[in-house]
Structure formats: C-alpha cells, structure tokens
Amino acid sequence: MKQELDVRGLACPLPVLKARKRLKEMASGDVLVVQATDPGSQKDFRAFADTTGHALLSSSMDAGVYTFEIRRR
C-alpha cells in the first residue's frame, strides 16, 4: 500500500519526525511518499533511512518540492 505525507513548508526536523510517526502506523513493506520543501530534507531522509532500516526507494526534486519514497521495514 502507498500513502502520502505532505510536509511542505515545514523545516528540519519536522519533516522527518512526521514521516517517522506515519511509518510507525504503516505495515511492513508499505511505501510512504513524502513531499517536502526544506532543502536539508535530502540529507535528513537519507540519514533517517540509514539509521532506521527503512529503504529510501527514490529521491527527486521538481520546482522546489522534494519527493521521497520510503518503504517501511
């Protein structure tokens, strides 16, 4: 299952904290699509995936919006 989380306009560390909370509510293997505008979120979501064991499937940027796909472990 795929869920979306819009954290545009929020600054570090809120995007990652909100993503962590949402992922806890999801089943293993589900994918969370996060949209953020904080430029630091690129580094933050990579580090988050590395430290939690979730898989960062993709990371992209279009018109100032960063999109991350994270699969729950």
N, C-alpha and C. Protein backbone atom coordinates (compact mmCIF):
# COMPACT_ATOMS: atom_id res chain seq x y z
N MET A 1 0.85 -1.17 0.00
CA MET A 1 0.00 0.00 0.00
C MET A 1 0.89 1.24 0.00
N LYS A 2 0.43 2.29 -0.64
CA LYS A 2 1.17 3.54 -0.73
C LYS A 2 0.37 4.64 -0.04
N GLN A 3 1.06 5.40 0.82
CA GLN A 3 0.44 6.54 1.49
C GLN A 3 1.25 7.78 1.18
N GLU A 4 0.61 8.94 1.29
CA GLU A 4 1.29 10.20 1.02
C GLU A 4 1.32 11.06 2.27
N LEU A 5 2.39 11.84 2.38
CA LEU A 5 2.56 12.76 3.51
C LEU A 5 3.09 14.07 2.96
N ASP A 6 2.35 15.14 3.15
CA ASP A 6 2.73 16.47 2.68
C ASP A 6 3.29 17.27 3.85
N VAL A 7 4.59 17.51 3.82
CA VAL A 7 5.23 18.30 4.88
C VAL A 7 5.86 19.56 4.28
N ARG A 8 5.32 20.01 3.15
CA ARG A 8 5.82 21.24 2.52
C ARG A 8 5.64 22.40 3.48
N GLY A 9 6.65 23.25 3.53
CA GLY A 9 6.60 24.42 4.41
C GLY A 9 7.18 24.18 5.79
N LEU A 10 7.43 22.94 6.14
CA LEU A 10 7.99 22.64 7.46
C LEU A 10 9.51 22.54 7.37
N ALA A 11 10.20 22.99 8.41
CA ALA A 11 11.65 22.95 8.45
C ALA A 11 12.14 21.80 9.34
N CYS A 12 13.38 21.44 9.14
CA CYS A 12 14.03 20.39 9.91
C CYS A 12 13.86 20.66 11.40
N PRO A 13 13.56 19.69 12.18
CA PRO A 13 13.46 18.26 11.92
C PRO A 13 12.04 17.76 11.69
N LEU A 14 11.08 18.66 11.55
CA LEU A 14 9.67 18.25 11.47
C LEU A 14 9.34 17.29 10.33
N PRO A 15 9.86 17.47 9.10
CA PRO A 15 9.52 16.51 8.05
C PRO A 15 9.87 15.06 8.41
N VAL A 16 11.06 14.86 8.96
CA VAL A 16 11.48 13.51 9.33
C VAL A 16 10.67 13.00 10.51
N LEU A 17 10.40 13.84 11.48
CA LEU A 17 9.62 13.40 12.65
C LEU A 17 8.21 12.99 12.25
N LYS A 18 7.59 13.75 11.36
CA LYS A 18 6.24 13.39 10.91
C LYS A 18 6.27 12.11 10.07
N ALA A 19 7.31 11.94 9.27
CA ALA A 19 7.44 10.71 8.48
C ALA A 19 7.64 9.50 9.40
N ARG A 20 8.47 9.66 10.42
CA ARG A 20 8.69 8.56 11.38
C ARG A 20 7.38 8.14 12.04
N LYS A 21 6.60 9.13 12.45
CA LYS A 21 5.31 8.83 13.10
C LYS A 21 4.38 8.08 12.15
N ARG A 22 4.30 8.54 10.90
CA ARG A 22 3.41 7.89 9.93
C ARG A 22 3.88 6.47 9.62
N LEU A 23 5.20 6.29 9.47
CA LEU A 23 5.73 4.95 9.17
C LEU A 23 5.42 3.96 10.29
N LYS A 24 5.43 4.43 11.53
CA LYS A 24 5.11 3.54 12.66
C LYS A 24 3.69 2.99 12.55
N GLU A 25 2.80 3.74 11.90
CA GLU A 25 1.40 3.33 11.76
C GLU A 25 1.17 2.42 10.55
N MET A 26 2.20 2.25 9.72
CA MET A 26 2.06 1.50 8.47
C MET A 26 2.56 0.07 8.64
N ALA A 27 2.14 -0.79 7.74
CA ALA A 27 2.57 -2.19 7.76
C ALA A 27 3.92 -2.33 7.06
N SER A 28 4.64 -3.36 7.44
CA SER A 28 5.92 -3.65 6.81
C SER A 28 5.74 -3.82 5.30
N GLY A 29 6.62 -3.18 4.52
CA GLY A 29 6.54 -3.26 3.07
C GLY A 29 5.74 -2.14 2.42
N ASP A 30 4.94 -1.42 3.21
CA ASP A 30 4.19 -0.29 2.66
C ASP A 30 5.14 0.84 2.30
N VAL A 31 4.71 1.70 1.38
CA VAL A 31 5.55 2.80 0.90
C VAL A 31 4.91 4.13 1.29
N LEU A 32 5.75 5.02 1.81
CA LEU A 32 5.32 6.37 2.16
C LEU A 32 5.96 7.33 1.17
N VAL A 33 5.14 8.16 0.53
CA VAL A 33 5.61 9.18 -0.40
C VAL A 33 5.53 10.52 0.33
N VAL A 34 6.69 11.13 0.53
CA VAL A 34 6.78 12.38 1.29
C VAL A 34 7.12 13.53 0.34
N GLN A 35 6.40 14.63 0.48
CA GLN A 35 6.70 15.84 -0.27
C GLN A 35 7.13 16.91 0.72
N ALA A 36 8.34 17.47 0.48
CA ALA A 36 8.91 18.46 1.38
C ALA A 36 9.50 19.61 0.58
N THR A 37 9.67 20.75 1.24
CA THR A 37 10.30 21.90 0.59
C THR A 37 11.60 22.30 1.26
N ASP A 38 11.93 21.72 2.39
CA ASP A 38 13.16 22.04 3.10
C ASP A 38 14.35 21.41 2.36
N PRO A 39 15.30 22.23 1.87
CA PRO A 39 16.45 21.67 1.14
C PRO A 39 17.26 20.67 1.97
N GLY A 40 17.28 20.84 3.27
CA GLY A 40 18.01 19.91 4.14
C GLY A 40 17.36 18.54 4.23
N SER A 41 16.14 18.43 3.74
CA SER A 41 15.43 17.14 3.84
C SER A 41 16.11 16.06 3.01
N GLN A 42 16.84 16.42 1.96
CA GLN A 42 17.55 15.42 1.17
C GLN A 42 18.52 14.65 2.04
N LYS A 43 19.35 15.37 2.76
CA LYS A 43 20.33 14.74 3.65
C LYS A 43 19.62 14.05 4.81
N ASP A 44 18.60 14.70 5.35
CA ASP A 44 17.90 14.16 6.52
C ASP A 44 17.22 12.83 6.23
N PHE A 45 16.54 12.71 5.07
CA PHE A 45 15.84 11.46 4.78
C PHE A 45 16.80 10.33 4.44
N ARG A 46 17.95 10.65 3.84
CA ARG A 46 18.96 9.60 3.61
C ARG A 46 19.47 9.06 4.94
N ALA A 47 19.80 9.96 5.84
CA ALA A 47 20.29 9.56 7.16
C ALA A 47 19.22 8.81 7.93
N PHE A 48 17.98 9.26 7.84
CA PHE A 48 16.86 8.60 8.51
C PHE A 48 16.73 7.16 8.03
N ALA A 49 16.77 6.95 6.72
CA ALA A 49 16.66 5.60 6.17
C ALA A 49 17.83 4.73 6.63
N ASP A 50 19.04 5.29 6.61
CA ASP A 50 20.22 4.52 7.02
C ASP A 50 20.15 4.09 8.48
N THR A 51 19.66 4.96 9.34
CA THR A 51 19.66 4.65 10.77
C THR A 51 18.46 3.81 11.22
N THR A 52 17.37 3.83 10.46
CA THR A 52 16.16 3.10 10.88
C THR A 52 15.97 1.78 10.17
N GLY A 53 16.66 1.59 9.05
CA GLY A 53 16.48 0.35 8.29
C GLY A 53 15.38 0.41 7.26
N HIS A 54 14.67 1.53 7.17
CA HIS A 54 13.69 1.71 6.10
C HIS A 54 14.46 1.94 4.80
N ALA A 55 13.85 1.59 3.67
CA ALA A 55 14.51 1.74 2.38
C ALA A 55 14.08 3.04 1.70
N LEU A 56 15.05 3.88 1.36
CA LEU A 56 14.77 5.08 0.58
C LEU A 56 14.78 4.65 -0.88
N LEU A 57 13.59 4.46 -1.45
CA LEU A 57 13.46 3.94 -2.81
C LEU A 57 13.81 4.97 -3.86
N SER A 58 13.41 6.22 -3.63
CA SER A 58 13.72 7.27 -4.60
C SER A 58 13.71 8.63 -3.92
N SER A 59 14.41 9.55 -4.56
CA SER A 59 14.50 10.92 -4.10
C SER A 59 14.59 11.80 -5.34
N SER A 60 13.69 12.78 -5.44
CA SER A 60 13.71 13.66 -6.60
C SER A 60 13.30 15.07 -6.19
N MET A 61 13.54 16.03 -7.10
CA MET A 61 13.17 17.41 -6.84
C MET A 61 12.60 18.00 -8.11
N ASP A 62 11.47 18.70 -7.97
CA ASP A 62 10.85 19.36 -9.10
C ASP A 62 10.20 20.65 -8.61
N ALA A 63 10.60 21.76 -9.17
CA ALA A 63 10.02 23.07 -8.84
C ALA A 63 10.08 23.37 -7.34
N GLY A 64 11.19 23.01 -6.70
CA GLY A 64 11.37 23.31 -5.29
C GLY A 64 10.71 22.35 -4.33
N VAL A 65 10.10 21.28 -4.85
CA VAL A 65 9.47 20.28 -4.00
C VAL A 65 10.28 18.98 -4.09
N TYR A 66 10.72 18.51 -2.95
CA TYR A 66 11.47 17.26 -2.86
C TYR A 66 10.49 16.13 -2.58
N THR A 67 10.62 15.04 -3.33
CA THR A 67 9.74 13.89 -3.15
C THR A 67 10.59 12.68 -2.79
N PHE A 68 10.20 12.00 -1.73
CA PHE A 68 10.91 10.81 -1.25
C PHE A 68 9.94 9.65 -1.18
N GLU A 69 10.38 8.49 -1.62
CA GLU A 69 9.60 7.26 -1.46
C GLU A 69 10.36 6.37 -0.49
N ILE A 70 9.71 6.04 0.60
CA ILE A 70 10.34 5.25 1.66
C ILE A 70 9.51 4.00 1.91
N ARG A 71 10.18 2.83 1.83
CA ARG A 71 9.48 1.57 2.11
C ARG A 71 9.76 1.19 3.57
N ARG A 72 8.67 0.93 4.31
CA ARG A 72 8.80 0.55 5.71
C ARG A 72 9.42 -0.83 5.84
N ARG A 73 10.33 -0.95 6.78
CA ARG A 73 10.99 -2.25 7.00
C ARG A 73 10.08 -3.22 7.65
